[in-house]
Amino acid sequence: MTKIKITLRRSKIGASKRQKRTLTALGLGKINSSSIHMKAPPICGMVRKIEHLVSVEDIK
């Protein structure tokens, strides 16, 4: 299974509580922090909710 690298690019100030909790669950705290996760439907759904705050790269 492939992995994805998720990087926080914009501040979470002004995001909803739900979006902030999603960022925390993905392990993203500060701007430019990154985390690597397996590409699975639950993770992709979480990324979709915060796609305006993060950038996503595929890792082989």
C-alpha atoms as a PDB file:
ATOM      1  CA  MET A   1       0.000   0.000   0.000  1.00  0.00           C
ATOM      2  CA  THR A   2       1.288   3.479  -0.779  1.00  0.00           C
ATOM      3  CA  LYS A   3       1.979   6.194   1.749  1.00  0.00           C
ATOM      4  CA  ILE A   4       1.182   9.897   1.683  1.00  0.00           C
ATOM      5  CA  LYS A   5       3.059  12.795   3.246  1.00  0.00           C
ATOM      6  CA  ILE A   6       0.755  15.480   4.640  1.00  0.00           C
ATOM      7  CA  THR A   7       2.230  18.931   5.353  1.00  0.00           C
ATOM      8  CA  LEU A   8       0.417  21.776   7.120  1.00  0.00           C
ATOM      9  CA  ARG A   9       0.792  24.851   4.880  1.00  0.00           C
ATOM     10  CA  ARG A  10      -1.692  27.336   6.360  1.00  0.00           C
ATOM     11  CA  SER A  11      -2.465  28.334   9.918  1.00  0.00           C
ATOM     12  CA  LYS A  12      -5.267  26.612  11.765  1.00  0.00           C
ATOM     13  CA  ILE A  13      -6.372  29.926  13.304  1.00  0.00           C
ATOM     14  CA  GLY A  14      -9.895  30.495  12.023  1.00  0.00           C
ATOM     15  CA  ALA A  15     -10.500  26.829  11.256  1.00  0.00           C
ATOM     16  CA  SER A  16     -13.477  25.146  12.862  1.00  0.00           C
ATOM     17  CA  LYS A  17     -13.069  22.991  15.975  1.00  0.00           C
ATOM     18  CA  ARG A  18     -13.693  19.896  13.877  1.00  0.00           C
ATOM     19  CA  GLN A  19     -10.896  20.840  11.464  1.00  0.00           C
ATOM     20  CA  LYS A  20      -8.511  21.568  14.343  1.00  0.00           C
ATOM     21  CA  ARG A  21      -9.247  18.145  15.860  1.00  0.00           C
ATOM     22  CA  THR A  22      -8.642  16.528  12.470  1.00  0.00           C
ATOM     23  CA  LEU A  23      -5.253  18.258  12.199  1.00  0.00           C
ATOM     24  CA  THR A  24      -4.331  17.058  15.679  1.00  0.00           C
ATOM     25  CA  ALA A  25      -5.425  13.512  14.865  1.00  0.00           C
ATOM     26  CA  LEU A  26      -3.169  13.545  11.801  1.00  0.00           C
ATOM     27  CA  GLY A  27      -0.231  14.730  13.926  1.00  0.00           C
ATOM     28  CA  LEU A  28      -0.006  18.249  12.501  1.00  0.00           C
ATOM     29  CA  GLY A  29       0.623  21.032  14.993  1.00  0.00           C
ATOM     30  CA  LYS A  30       2.670  23.871  13.556  1.00  0.00           C
ATOM     31  CA  ILE A  31       2.961  25.271  10.058  1.00  0.00           C
ATOM     32  CA  ASN A  32       5.346  23.186   7.885  1.00  0.00           C
ATOM     33  CA  SER A  33       4.990  20.171  10.176  1.00  0.00           C
ATOM     34  CA  SER A  34       4.590  16.906   8.264  1.00  0.00           C
ATOM     35  CA  SER A  35       3.346  13.420   8.945  1.00  0.00           C
ATOM     36  CA  ILE A  36       3.368  10.223   6.919  1.00  0.00           C
ATOM     37  CA  HIS A  37       0.342   7.935   6.823  1.00  0.00           C
ATOM     38  CA  MET A  38      -0.798   4.923   4.863  1.00  0.00           C
ATOM     39  CA  LYS A  39      -3.166   5.854   2.030  1.00  0.00           C
ATOM     40  CA  ALA A  40      -6.436   4.455   3.385  1.00  0.00           C
ATOM     41  CA  PRO A  41     -10.048   5.632   3.009  1.00  0.00           C
ATOM     42  CA  PRO A  42     -10.310   7.073   6.571  1.00  0.00           C
ATOM     43  CA  ILE A  43      -7.109   9.103   6.147  1.00  0.00           C
ATOM     44  CA  CYS A  44      -8.152  10.314   2.683  1.00  0.00           C
ATOM     45  CA  GLY A  45     -11.484  11.447   4.129  1.00  0.00           C
ATOM     46  CA  MET A  46      -9.716  13.388   6.875  1.00  0.00           C
ATOM     47  CA  VAL A  47      -7.434  15.046   4.319  1.00  0.00           C
ATOM     48  CA  ARG A  48     -10.449  15.978   2.183  1.00  0.00           C
ATOM     49  CA  LYS A  49     -11.939  17.905   5.132  1.00  0.00           C
ATOM     50  CA  ILE A  50      -8.792  20.023   5.526  1.00  0.00           C
ATOM     51  CA  GLU A  51      -7.442  20.107   1.977  1.00  0.00           C
ATOM     52  CA  HIS A  52      -7.403  23.924   1.974  1.00  0.00           C
ATOM     53  CA  LEU A  53      -4.861  23.892   4.847  1.00  0.00           C
ATOM     54  CA  VAL A  54      -2.490  21.124   3.771  1.00  0.00           C
ATOM     55  CA  SER A  55      -0.486  19.811   0.846  1.00  0.00           C
ATOM     56  CA  VAL A  56      -0.306  16.095   0.073  1.00  0.00           C
ATOM     57  CA  GLU A  57       2.434  14.123  -1.682  1.00  0.00           C
ATOM     58  CA  ASP A  58       2.470  10.459  -2.642  1.00  0.00           C
ATOM     59  CA  ILE A  59       5.432   8.431  -1.387  1.00  0.00           C
ATOM     60  CA  LYS A  60       6.345   5.136  -3.004  1.00  0.00           C
END
